[in-house]
N, C-alpha and C. Protein backbone atom coordinates (compact mmCIF):
# COMPACT_ATOMS: atom_id res chain seq x y z
N MET A 1 0.85 -1.17 0.00
CA MET A 1 0.00 0.00 0.00
C MET A 1 0.89 1.23 0.00
N GLN A 2 0.50 2.21 -0.77
CA GLN A 2 1.20 3.48 -0.80
C GLN A 2 0.23 4.59 -0.41
N VAL A 3 0.68 5.49 0.46
CA VAL A 3 -0.12 6.62 0.90
C VAL A 3 0.59 7.88 0.46
N THR A 4 -0.12 8.73 -0.28
CA THR A 4 0.45 9.99 -0.75
C THR A 4 -0.28 11.14 -0.10
N LEU A 5 0.49 12.00 0.54
CA LEU A 5 -0.03 13.24 1.12
C LEU A 5 0.28 14.36 0.15
N PHE A 6 -0.76 15.00 -0.35
CA PHE A 6 -0.59 16.18 -1.20
C PHE A 6 -0.59 17.39 -0.28
N THR A 7 0.44 18.19 -0.38
CA THR A 7 0.71 19.24 0.57
C THR A 7 1.28 20.46 -0.13
N LYS A 8 1.54 21.49 0.63
CA LYS A 8 2.29 22.64 0.13
C LYS A 8 3.12 23.20 1.28
N ALA A 9 4.09 24.02 0.95
CA ALA A 9 5.00 24.56 1.96
C ALA A 9 4.24 25.48 2.92
N ASN A 10 4.70 25.49 4.16
CA ASN A 10 4.16 26.37 5.21
C ASN A 10 2.67 26.15 5.45
N CYS A 11 2.25 24.91 5.50
CA CYS A 11 0.85 24.55 5.73
C CYS A 11 0.77 23.76 7.03
N GLN A 12 0.23 24.38 8.08
CA GLN A 12 0.15 23.73 9.38
C GLN A 12 -0.78 22.53 9.37
N LEU A 13 -1.89 22.62 8.65
CA LEU A 13 -2.79 21.47 8.55
C LEU A 13 -2.10 20.30 7.86
N CYS A 14 -1.31 20.61 6.83
CA CYS A 14 -0.57 19.57 6.12
C CYS A 14 0.42 18.88 7.06
N ASP A 15 1.11 19.68 7.86
CA ASP A 15 2.08 19.12 8.80
C ASP A 15 1.40 18.20 9.82
N ALA A 16 0.23 18.56 10.29
CA ALA A 16 -0.49 17.73 11.26
C ALA A 16 -0.83 16.36 10.64
N ILE A 17 -1.28 16.35 9.40
CA ILE A 17 -1.60 15.10 8.72
C ILE A 17 -0.32 14.31 8.44
N LYS A 18 0.76 15.01 8.08
CA LYS A 18 2.04 14.34 7.82
C LYS A 18 2.52 13.61 9.08
N TYR A 19 2.44 14.26 10.24
CA TYR A 19 2.88 13.62 11.48
C TYR A 19 2.01 12.41 11.80
N GLU A 20 0.72 12.51 11.55
CA GLU A 20 -0.18 11.38 11.74
C GLU A 20 0.22 10.22 10.83
N LEU A 21 0.51 10.54 9.57
CA LEU A 21 0.91 9.49 8.62
C LEU A 21 2.26 8.89 8.98
N TRP A 22 3.18 9.67 9.50
CA TRP A 22 4.46 9.11 9.94
C TRP A 22 4.24 8.10 11.05
N ASP A 23 3.35 8.43 11.99
CA ASP A 23 3.03 7.48 13.07
C ASP A 23 2.43 6.19 12.51
N LEU A 24 1.50 6.34 11.57
CA LEU A 24 0.86 5.17 10.97
C LEU A 24 1.86 4.35 10.15
N GLU A 25 2.75 5.04 9.46
CA GLU A 25 3.78 4.35 8.66
C GLU A 25 4.67 3.50 9.58
N ALA A 26 5.06 4.05 10.72
CA ALA A 26 5.88 3.31 11.66
C ALA A 26 5.14 2.09 12.21
N GLU A 27 3.84 2.25 12.40
CA GLU A 27 3.03 1.17 12.95
C GLU A 27 2.73 0.08 11.94
N TYR A 28 2.44 0.45 10.69
CA TYR A 28 1.97 -0.51 9.69
C TYR A 28 2.95 -0.80 8.56
N GLY A 29 3.96 0.02 8.36
CA GLY A 29 4.98 -0.27 7.37
C GLY A 29 4.57 -0.06 5.92
N PHE A 30 3.61 0.78 5.64
CA PHE A 30 3.27 1.07 4.25
C PHE A 30 4.26 2.09 3.68
N GLU A 31 4.17 2.32 2.38
CA GLU A 31 5.03 3.31 1.73
C GLU A 31 4.36 4.68 1.79
N PHE A 32 5.06 5.65 2.35
CA PHE A 32 4.53 7.01 2.48
C PHE A 32 5.30 7.93 1.54
N ARG A 33 4.57 8.81 0.90
CA ARG A 33 5.19 9.79 0.02
C ARG A 33 4.49 11.11 0.19
N GLU A 34 5.26 12.17 0.14
CA GLU A 34 4.73 13.53 0.23
C GLU A 34 4.90 14.18 -1.13
N ALA A 35 3.81 14.76 -1.65
CA ALA A 35 3.83 15.41 -2.96
C ALA A 35 3.38 16.86 -2.79
N PHE A 36 4.16 17.76 -3.33
CA PHE A 36 3.83 19.18 -3.24
C PHE A 36 2.99 19.57 -4.44
N VAL A 37 1.78 20.10 -4.18
CA VAL A 37 0.83 20.38 -5.25
C VAL A 37 1.34 21.40 -6.26
N GLU A 38 2.25 22.26 -5.83
CA GLU A 38 2.77 23.26 -6.75
C GLU A 38 3.65 22.64 -7.85
N THR A 39 4.24 21.48 -7.56
CA THR A 39 5.19 20.89 -8.50
C THR A 39 4.85 19.48 -8.95
N ASP A 40 3.94 18.79 -8.27
CA ASP A 40 3.66 17.39 -8.60
C ASP A 40 2.68 17.31 -9.77
N SER A 41 3.01 16.50 -10.76
CA SER A 41 2.16 16.38 -11.95
C SER A 41 0.88 15.61 -11.68
N ASN A 42 0.80 14.88 -10.55
CA ASN A 42 -0.42 14.14 -10.22
C ASN A 42 -1.49 15.02 -9.56
N ALA A 43 -1.12 16.22 -9.16
CA ALA A 43 -2.09 17.14 -8.55
C ALA A 43 -2.88 17.81 -9.68
N GLU A 44 -4.17 17.86 -9.51
CA GLU A 44 -5.03 18.42 -10.55
C GLU A 44 -5.17 19.93 -10.39
N GLU A 45 -5.57 20.57 -11.46
CA GLU A 45 -5.79 22.01 -11.47
C GLU A 45 -6.80 22.39 -10.39
N GLY A 46 -6.52 23.42 -9.65
CA GLY A 46 -7.42 23.91 -8.62
C GLY A 46 -7.24 23.27 -7.26
N GLU A 47 -6.41 22.24 -7.16
CA GLU A 47 -6.22 21.56 -5.88
C GLU A 47 -5.20 22.25 -4.97
N GLN A 48 -4.46 23.20 -5.51
CA GLN A 48 -3.43 23.87 -4.72
C GLN A 48 -3.98 24.55 -3.48
N ASP A 49 -5.22 25.02 -3.51
CA ASP A 49 -5.81 25.72 -2.38
C ASP A 49 -6.55 24.79 -1.43
N ARG A 50 -6.68 23.53 -1.78
CA ARG A 50 -7.47 22.60 -0.96
C ARG A 50 -6.60 21.49 -0.41
N VAL A 51 -5.53 21.87 0.26
CA VAL A 51 -4.63 20.90 0.87
C VAL A 51 -4.77 20.96 2.37
N PRO A 52 -4.47 19.92 3.06
CA PRO A 52 -3.94 18.66 2.57
C PRO A 52 -5.04 17.74 2.04
N PHE A 53 -4.65 16.83 1.16
CA PHE A 53 -5.51 15.72 0.80
C PHE A 53 -4.65 14.49 0.62
N VAL A 54 -5.27 13.32 0.73
CA VAL A 54 -4.53 12.07 0.80
C VAL A 54 -5.12 11.07 -0.19
N HIS A 55 -4.22 10.36 -0.88
CA HIS A 55 -4.61 9.23 -1.73
C HIS A 55 -3.99 7.97 -1.16
N ILE A 56 -4.78 6.92 -1.04
CA ILE A 56 -4.29 5.61 -0.63
C ILE A 56 -4.40 4.70 -1.84
N GLU A 57 -3.27 4.11 -2.22
CA GLU A 57 -3.21 3.28 -3.42
C GLU A 57 -2.83 1.85 -3.06
N ARG A 58 -3.41 0.95 -3.81
CA ARG A 58 -3.04 -0.46 -3.74
C ARG A 58 -2.86 -0.95 -5.17
N ASN A 59 -1.73 -1.56 -5.45
CA ASN A 59 -1.43 -2.06 -6.79
C ASN A 59 -1.56 -0.96 -7.86
N GLY A 60 -1.13 0.24 -7.52
CA GLY A 60 -1.15 1.34 -8.48
C GLY A 60 -2.50 1.99 -8.70
N GLN A 61 -3.51 1.56 -7.99
CA GLN A 61 -4.86 2.12 -8.13
C GLN A 61 -5.23 2.86 -6.86
N VAL A 62 -5.80 4.05 -7.00
CA VAL A 62 -6.29 4.79 -5.83
C VAL A 62 -7.54 4.08 -5.33
N VAL A 63 -7.48 3.61 -4.07
CA VAL A 63 -8.62 2.90 -3.48
C VAL A 63 -9.38 3.77 -2.49
N LEU A 64 -8.71 4.77 -1.92
CA LEU A 64 -9.35 5.70 -0.99
C LEU A 64 -8.76 7.09 -1.19
N GLN A 65 -9.62 8.09 -1.03
CA GLN A 65 -9.18 9.47 -1.10
C GLN A 65 -9.77 10.24 0.08
N PHE A 66 -8.97 11.10 0.65
CA PHE A 66 -9.42 11.98 1.71
C PHE A 66 -9.20 13.40 1.23
N ALA A 67 -10.30 14.10 1.03
CA ALA A 67 -10.23 15.48 0.55
C ALA A 67 -10.12 16.44 1.72
N PHE A 68 -9.73 17.64 1.42
CA PHE A 68 -9.65 18.71 2.42
C PHE A 68 -11.03 18.97 2.99
N PRO A 69 -11.20 19.12 4.25
CA PRO A 69 -10.23 18.92 5.32
C PRO A 69 -10.17 17.45 5.71
N VAL A 70 -8.97 16.94 5.87
CA VAL A 70 -8.77 15.53 6.22
C VAL A 70 -9.03 15.35 7.71
N ASN A 71 -9.88 14.39 8.03
CA ASN A 71 -10.17 14.05 9.42
C ASN A 71 -9.17 12.98 9.87
N GLN A 72 -8.36 13.31 10.87
CA GLN A 72 -7.30 12.41 11.31
C GLN A 72 -7.83 11.07 11.82
N ALA A 73 -8.93 11.08 12.54
CA ALA A 73 -9.49 9.83 13.08
C ALA A 73 -9.98 8.94 11.94
N GLU A 74 -10.65 9.51 10.95
CA GLU A 74 -11.12 8.73 9.80
C GLU A 74 -9.94 8.18 9.00
N LEU A 75 -8.90 8.99 8.83
CA LEU A 75 -7.71 8.55 8.12
C LEU A 75 -7.07 7.37 8.84
N ARG A 76 -6.93 7.46 10.14
CA ARG A 76 -6.33 6.38 10.94
C ARG A 76 -7.16 5.10 10.80
N ARG A 77 -8.48 5.20 10.90
CA ARG A 77 -9.35 4.01 10.77
C ARG A 77 -9.21 3.38 9.38
N ALA A 78 -9.16 4.22 8.35
CA ALA A 78 -9.07 3.71 6.98
C ALA A 78 -7.75 3.01 6.72
N VAL A 79 -6.65 3.60 7.18
CA VAL A 79 -5.34 2.97 7.01
C VAL A 79 -5.31 1.64 7.74
N ARG A 80 -5.79 1.62 8.96
CA ARG A 80 -5.82 0.38 9.74
C ARG A 80 -6.63 -0.69 9.00
N ALA A 81 -7.80 -0.34 8.51
CA ALA A 81 -8.65 -1.31 7.80
C ALA A 81 -7.97 -1.80 6.52
N GLU A 82 -7.35 -0.91 5.77
CA GLU A 82 -6.65 -1.31 4.55
C GLU A 82 -5.50 -2.26 4.85
N MET A 83 -4.72 -1.95 5.86
CA MET A 83 -3.57 -2.78 6.20
C MET A 83 -4.01 -4.13 6.75
N GLU A 84 -5.09 -4.17 7.50
CA GLU A 84 -5.57 -5.43 8.06
C GLU A 84 -6.24 -6.31 7.01
N SER A 85 -6.70 -5.72 5.91
CA SER A 85 -7.39 -6.50 4.88
C SER A 85 -6.44 -7.00 3.79
N ARG A 86 -5.17 -6.62 3.85
CA ARG A 86 -4.25 -7.00 2.77
C ARG A 86 -3.95 -8.50 2.84
N PRO A 87 -3.81 -9.12 1.66
CA PRO A 87 -3.48 -10.55 1.61
C PRO A 87 -2.11 -10.82 2.21
N GLY A 88 -1.97 -11.95 2.87
CA GLY A 88 -0.68 -12.34 3.43
C GLY A 88 -0.32 -11.63 4.72
N ARG A 89 -1.26 -10.92 5.29
CA ARG A 89 -1.00 -10.20 6.54
C ARG A 89 -0.76 -11.19 7.65
N GLN A 90 0.23 -10.92 8.46
CA GLN A 90 0.53 -11.79 9.58
C GLN A 90 -0.04 -11.21 10.85
N GLU A 91 -0.62 -12.06 11.67
CA GLU A 91 -1.22 -11.64 12.95
C GLU A 91 -0.14 -11.43 13.97
């Protein structure tokens, strides 16, 4: 699973979500990536003002999206559910 945080510089809300994702990454071991909307080609037109937002991908497909404003509790629940549902997961 790959989690992408779309962010921009000097964004306190973005930083709060980034710290949450770092904690989740340490707990679950997924791939985390930070993409800056000003320079990332995957960010769509008009999204620069609506950050942070998060894409969760599995096998190269976006399976979940969290739009601005991202709710940290919902994000945590979704990541946990995705990681627990993956094939080959060890208890």
